[in-house]
């Protein structure tokens, strides 16, 4: 759903460390005020002006979820509200955890 790359060219995060220990699906999140989303045919590019990270939001639905996170009591509730199926939720939660690690979304 989301692939994180540093603009500076650093190596991507190894698979075994991709979990975000501080990401809580039951937590209230919002798009960071330091992030701009640029719509793309596949979804969007997210650029963080503070840490200069670039992330790809690989589906239009993920973009919708991220843009609407602040309207829901939790990340999990946002997924349900936007019609993310139970089968898809793990992938979307992993994408949100990656975005939290990159500081694209922040605990609100």
N, C-alpha and C. Protein backbone atom coordinates (compact mmCIF):
# COMPACT_ATOMS: atom_id res chain seq x y z
N UNK A 1 0.81 -1.19 0.00
CA UNK A 1 0.00 0.00 0.00
C UNK A 1 0.85 1.26 0.00
N UNK A 2 1.85 1.28 0.84
CA UNK A 2 2.72 2.45 0.94
C UNK A 2 4.15 1.99 0.93
N UNK A 3 4.97 2.63 0.14
CA UNK A 3 6.38 2.30 0.10
C UNK A 3 7.15 3.54 0.48
N UNK A 4 7.99 3.41 1.48
CA UNK A 4 8.73 4.56 1.97
C UNK A 4 10.10 4.61 1.33
N UNK A 5 10.49 5.76 0.86
CA UNK A 5 11.83 6.00 0.34
C UNK A 5 12.30 7.33 0.87
N UNK A 6 13.56 7.40 1.25
CA UNK A 6 14.11 8.68 1.65
C UNK A 6 14.61 9.40 0.41
N UNK A 7 14.33 10.68 0.34
CA UNK A 7 14.76 11.47 -0.80
C UNK A 7 16.28 11.46 -0.90
N UNK A 8 16.96 11.38 0.24
CA UNK A 8 18.42 11.43 0.23
C UNK A 8 19.05 10.17 -0.34
N UNK A 9 18.26 9.11 -0.59
CA UNK A 9 18.79 7.90 -1.19
C UNK A 9 19.21 6.84 -0.20
N UNK A 10 18.89 6.99 1.08
CA UNK A 10 19.23 5.96 2.06
C UNK A 10 18.55 4.65 1.69
N UNK A 11 19.10 3.56 2.17
CA UNK A 11 18.54 2.24 1.90
C UNK A 11 17.16 2.11 2.53
N UNK A 12 16.24 1.38 1.88
CA UNK A 12 14.92 1.16 2.47
C UNK A 12 15.02 0.35 3.75
N UNK A 13 14.00 0.46 4.57
CA UNK A 13 13.96 -0.25 5.85
C UNK A 13 13.86 -1.75 5.59
N UNK A 14 14.69 -2.57 6.26
CA UNK A 14 14.60 -4.02 6.08
C UNK A 14 13.24 -4.56 6.49
N UNK A 15 12.77 -5.64 5.83
CA UNK A 15 11.43 -6.18 6.14
C UNK A 15 11.22 -6.51 7.60
N UNK A 16 12.23 -7.01 8.28
CA UNK A 16 12.04 -7.42 9.68
C UNK A 16 11.85 -6.25 10.63
N UNK A 17 12.11 -5.03 10.21
CA UNK A 17 11.93 -3.87 11.08
C UNK A 17 10.82 -2.94 10.59
N UNK A 18 9.98 -3.42 9.69
CA UNK A 18 8.94 -2.56 9.12
C UNK A 18 7.79 -2.29 10.06
N UNK A 19 7.60 -3.07 11.10
CA UNK A 19 6.53 -2.79 12.05
C UNK A 19 6.81 -1.50 12.80
N UNK A 20 5.79 -0.80 13.16
CA UNK A 20 5.99 0.44 13.91
C UNK A 20 5.48 0.21 15.32
N UNK A 21 6.40 0.08 16.30
CA UNK A 21 5.98 -0.28 17.64
C UNK A 21 5.03 0.74 18.28
N UNK A 22 5.06 1.97 17.82
CA UNK A 22 4.21 2.99 18.41
C UNK A 22 2.88 3.16 17.68
N UNK A 23 2.70 2.49 16.56
CA UNK A 23 1.44 2.61 15.83
C UNK A 23 0.39 1.75 16.50
N UNK A 24 -0.72 2.36 16.82
CA UNK A 24 -1.84 1.68 17.46
C UNK A 24 -3.07 1.83 16.57
N UNK A 25 -3.59 0.74 16.02
CA UNK A 25 -4.78 0.84 15.17
C UNK A 25 -5.97 1.51 15.86
N UNK A 26 -6.01 1.43 17.20
CA UNK A 26 -7.10 2.05 17.94
C UNK A 26 -6.81 3.50 18.31
N UNK A 27 -5.66 4.02 17.86
CA UNK A 27 -5.30 5.40 18.15
C UNK A 27 -5.90 6.36 17.13
N UNK A 28 -5.99 7.62 17.53
CA UNK A 28 -6.52 8.67 16.66
C UNK A 28 -5.36 9.32 15.92
N UNK A 29 -5.40 9.31 14.59
CA UNK A 29 -4.32 9.82 13.76
C UNK A 29 -4.84 10.88 12.80
N UNK A 30 -3.90 11.64 12.25
CA UNK A 30 -4.22 12.64 11.24
C UNK A 30 -3.00 12.78 10.32
N UNK A 31 -3.23 13.27 9.14
CA UNK A 31 -2.13 13.60 8.24
C UNK A 31 -1.30 14.69 8.89
N UNK A 32 0.01 14.54 8.89
CA UNK A 32 0.88 15.54 9.49
C UNK A 32 0.71 16.88 8.77
N UNK A 33 0.73 17.99 9.51
CA UNK A 33 0.64 19.29 8.86
C UNK A 33 1.87 19.60 8.01
N UNK A 34 2.94 18.81 8.18
CA UNK A 34 4.17 19.00 7.41
C UNK A 34 4.17 18.19 6.11
N UNK A 35 3.04 17.57 5.77
CA UNK A 35 2.98 16.67 4.61
C UNK A 35 2.06 17.25 3.54
N UNK A 36 2.53 17.15 2.31
CA UNK A 36 1.70 17.50 1.16
C UNK A 36 1.46 16.23 0.35
N UNK A 37 0.23 16.06 -0.09
CA UNK A 37 -0.12 14.94 -0.96
C UNK A 37 -0.28 15.45 -2.38
N UNK A 38 0.33 14.73 -3.31
CA UNK A 38 0.17 15.07 -4.72
C UNK A 38 -0.56 13.91 -5.39
N UNK A 39 -1.76 14.16 -5.89
CA UNK A 39 -2.53 13.09 -6.54
C UNK A 39 -1.78 12.51 -7.74
N UNK A 40 -1.86 11.21 -7.89
CA UNK A 40 -1.27 10.49 -9.00
C UNK A 40 -2.29 9.45 -9.47
N UNK A 41 -2.16 8.93 -10.68
CA UNK A 41 -3.11 7.92 -11.15
C UNK A 41 -3.19 6.68 -10.25
N UNK A 42 -2.08 6.32 -9.62
CA UNK A 42 -2.06 5.13 -8.76
C UNK A 42 -2.54 5.42 -7.35
N UNK A 43 -2.60 6.67 -6.93
CA UNK A 43 -2.96 7.07 -5.58
C UNK A 43 -2.44 8.46 -5.29
N UNK A 44 -1.25 8.53 -4.64
CA UNK A 44 -0.65 9.84 -4.36
C UNK A 44 0.80 9.68 -3.92
N UNK A 45 1.53 10.77 -4.07
CA UNK A 45 2.85 10.90 -3.47
C UNK A 45 2.69 11.77 -2.24
N UNK A 46 3.34 11.37 -1.16
CA UNK A 46 3.32 12.15 0.07
C UNK A 46 4.73 12.64 0.33
N UNK A 47 4.88 13.93 0.53
CA UNK A 47 6.20 14.51 0.80
C UNK A 47 6.15 15.22 2.15
N UNK A 48 7.12 14.87 3.02
CA UNK A 48 7.22 15.49 4.34
C UNK A 48 8.28 16.59 4.25
N UNK A 49 7.86 17.83 4.46
CA UNK A 49 8.77 18.97 4.33
C UNK A 49 9.78 19.05 5.47
N UNK A 50 9.51 18.41 6.59
CA UNK A 50 10.44 18.44 7.72
C UNK A 50 11.57 17.44 7.58
N UNK A 51 11.23 16.16 7.36
CA UNK A 51 12.26 15.13 7.29
C UNK A 51 12.63 14.75 5.86
N UNK A 52 11.99 15.37 4.90
CA UNK A 52 12.26 15.20 3.47
C UNK A 52 12.01 13.79 2.96
N UNK A 53 11.13 13.06 3.62
CA UNK A 53 10.80 11.72 3.17
C UNK A 53 9.70 11.78 2.12
N UNK A 54 9.77 10.83 1.22
CA UNK A 54 8.77 10.68 0.18
C UNK A 54 8.15 9.30 0.31
N UNK A 55 6.83 9.23 0.32
CA UNK A 55 6.13 7.94 0.38
C UNK A 55 5.12 7.87 -0.74
N UNK A 56 4.86 6.65 -1.18
CA UNK A 56 3.87 6.40 -2.21
C UNK A 56 2.63 5.79 -1.56
N UNK A 57 1.51 6.41 -1.78
CA UNK A 57 0.24 5.83 -1.37
C UNK A 57 -0.31 5.15 -2.62
N UNK A 58 -0.28 3.82 -2.62
CA UNK A 58 -0.44 3.06 -3.84
C UNK A 58 -1.86 2.77 -4.28
N UNK A 59 -2.84 3.24 -3.53
CA UNK A 59 -4.23 3.08 -3.99
C UNK A 59 -5.01 4.35 -3.68
N UNK A 60 -5.97 4.68 -4.53
CA UNK A 60 -6.82 5.84 -4.23
C UNK A 60 -7.57 5.69 -2.90
N UNK A 61 -7.94 4.46 -2.54
CA UNK A 61 -8.63 4.25 -1.28
C UNK A 61 -7.73 4.58 -0.09
N UNK A 62 -6.45 4.23 -0.17
CA UNK A 62 -5.52 4.58 0.91
C UNK A 62 -5.42 6.10 1.04
N UNK A 63 -5.41 6.81 -0.06
CA UNK A 63 -5.37 8.28 -0.02
C UNK A 63 -6.62 8.81 0.70
N UNK A 64 -7.76 8.26 0.36
CA UNK A 64 -9.02 8.68 1.00
C UNK A 64 -8.97 8.42 2.50
N UNK A 65 -8.48 7.25 2.88
CA UNK A 65 -8.38 6.91 4.31
C UNK A 65 -7.45 7.89 5.02
N UNK A 66 -6.28 8.14 4.45
CA UNK A 66 -5.30 9.03 5.08
C UNK A 66 -5.86 10.45 5.21
N UNK A 67 -6.49 10.92 4.17
CA UNK A 67 -7.06 12.28 4.21
C UNK A 67 -8.18 12.39 5.23
N UNK A 68 -8.87 11.30 5.53
CA UNK A 68 -9.99 11.35 6.45
C UNK A 68 -9.70 10.80 7.85
N UNK A 69 -8.46 10.44 8.13
CA UNK A 69 -8.12 9.87 9.44
C UNK A 69 -8.61 10.74 10.60
N UNK A 70 -8.44 12.03 10.49
CA UNK A 70 -8.77 12.95 11.59
C UNK A 70 -10.26 12.97 11.93
N UNK A 71 -11.09 12.47 11.04
CA UNK A 71 -12.54 12.48 11.25
C UNK A 71 -13.05 11.27 12.03
N UNK A 72 -12.15 10.33 12.33
CA UNK A 72 -12.57 9.08 12.95
C UNK A 72 -11.87 8.87 14.29
N UNK A 73 -12.52 8.14 15.17
CA UNK A 73 -11.98 7.94 16.53
C UNK A 73 -10.70 7.11 16.53
N UNK A 74 -10.45 6.35 15.46
CA UNK A 74 -9.25 5.53 15.39
C UNK A 74 -8.92 5.23 13.93
N UNK A 75 -7.69 4.76 13.71
CA UNK A 75 -7.29 4.34 12.37
C UNK A 75 -8.16 3.17 11.92
N UNK A 76 -8.42 2.25 12.82
CA UNK A 76 -9.27 1.10 12.51
C UNK A 76 -10.67 1.55 12.11
N UNK A 77 -11.22 2.52 12.82
CA UNK A 77 -12.55 3.04 12.49
C UNK A 77 -12.55 3.73 11.13
N UNK A 78 -11.46 4.41 10.79
CA UNK A 78 -11.36 5.05 9.48
C UNK A 78 -11.39 4.00 8.37
N UNK A 79 -10.69 2.89 8.57
CA UNK A 79 -10.70 1.83 7.57
C UNK A 79 -12.12 1.30 7.36
N UNK A 80 -12.79 1.02 8.45
CA UNK A 80 -14.16 0.50 8.36
C UNK A 80 -15.09 1.51 7.70
N UNK A 81 -14.96 2.78 8.06
CA UNK A 81 -15.83 3.82 7.51
C UNK A 81 -15.64 4.00 6.01
N UNK A 82 -14.45 3.71 5.53
CA UNK A 82 -14.16 3.89 4.10
C UNK A 82 -14.31 2.60 3.31
N UNK A 83 -14.86 1.57 3.94
CA UNK A 83 -15.19 0.36 3.22
C UNK A 83 -14.04 -0.60 2.97
N UNK A 84 -12.96 -0.47 3.74
CA UNK A 84 -11.86 -1.42 3.61
C UNK A 84 -12.34 -2.75 4.18
N UNK A 85 -12.29 -3.78 3.37
CA UNK A 85 -12.82 -5.08 3.79
C UNK A 85 -11.91 -5.71 4.85
N UNK A 86 -12.48 -6.64 5.57
CA UNK A 86 -11.72 -7.36 6.59
C UNK A 86 -10.50 -8.03 5.98
N UNK A 87 -10.66 -8.55 4.77
CA UNK A 87 -9.56 -9.21 4.05
C UNK A 87 -8.42 -8.23 3.73
N UNK A 88 -8.74 -6.97 3.47
CA UNK A 88 -7.75 -5.95 3.10
C UNK A 88 -7.14 -5.23 4.29
N UNK A 89 -7.76 -5.34 5.47
CA UNK A 89 -7.36 -4.51 6.59
C UNK A 89 -5.90 -4.68 7.01
N UNK A 90 -5.38 -5.88 7.00
CA UNK A 90 -3.98 -6.07 7.41
C UNK A 90 -3.03 -5.26 6.53
N UNK A 91 -3.25 -5.30 5.22
CA UNK A 91 -2.39 -4.55 4.30
C UNK A 91 -2.52 -3.04 4.54
N UNK A 92 -3.73 -2.58 4.79
CA UNK A 92 -3.94 -1.16 5.04
C UNK A 92 -3.34 -0.74 6.38
N UNK A 93 -3.46 -1.58 7.39
CA UNK A 93 -2.84 -1.26 8.69
C UNK A 93 -1.32 -1.23 8.57
N UNK A 94 -0.75 -2.14 7.77
CA UNK A 94 0.70 -2.11 7.54
C UNK A 94 1.11 -0.82 6.83
N UNK A 95 0.30 -0.40 5.87
CA UNK A 95 0.58 0.85 5.16
C UNK A 95 0.51 2.04 6.11
N UNK A 96 -0.51 2.06 6.98
CA UNK A 96 -0.63 3.17 7.94
C UNK A 96 0.53 3.14 8.94
N UNK A 97 0.97 1.97 9.35
CA UNK A 97 2.12 1.87 10.25
C UNK A 97 3.37 2.41 9.58
N UNK A 98 3.54 2.11 8.31
CA UNK A 98 4.68 2.64 7.56
C UNK A 98 4.61 4.17 7.46
N UNK A 99 3.42 4.68 7.23
CA UNK A 99 3.25 6.14 7.17
C UNK A 99 3.50 6.79 8.53
N UNK A 100 3.13 6.10 9.60
CA UNK A 100 3.41 6.62 10.95
C UNK A 100 4.91 6.63 11.20
N UNK A 101 5.60 5.58 10.79
CA UNK A 101 7.05 5.50 10.97
C UNK A 101 7.74 6.64 10.22
N UNK A 102 7.23 6.98 9.06
CA UNK A 102 7.79 8.07 8.24
C UNK A 102 7.30 9.44 8.68
N UNK A 103 6.46 9.48 9.73
CA UNK A 103 5.89 10.72 10.26
C UNK A 103 4.97 11.42 9.28
N UNK A 104 4.42 10.65 8.34
CA UNK A 104 3.44 11.20 7.40
C UNK A 104 2.09 11.37 8.08
N UNK A 105 1.77 10.41 8.95
CA UNK A 105 0.59 10.56 9.81
C UNK A 105 1.08 10.62 11.23
N UNK A 106 0.37 11.38 12.05
CA UNK A 106 0.79 11.58 13.43
C UNK A 106 -0.38 11.32 14.37
N UNK A 107 -0.05 10.93 15.57
CA UNK A 107 -1.07 10.70 16.59
C UNK A 107 -1.70 12.03 16.93
N UNK A 108 -2.99 12.07 16.94
CA UNK A 108 -3.72 13.33 17.14
C UNK A 108 -4.30 13.37 18.53
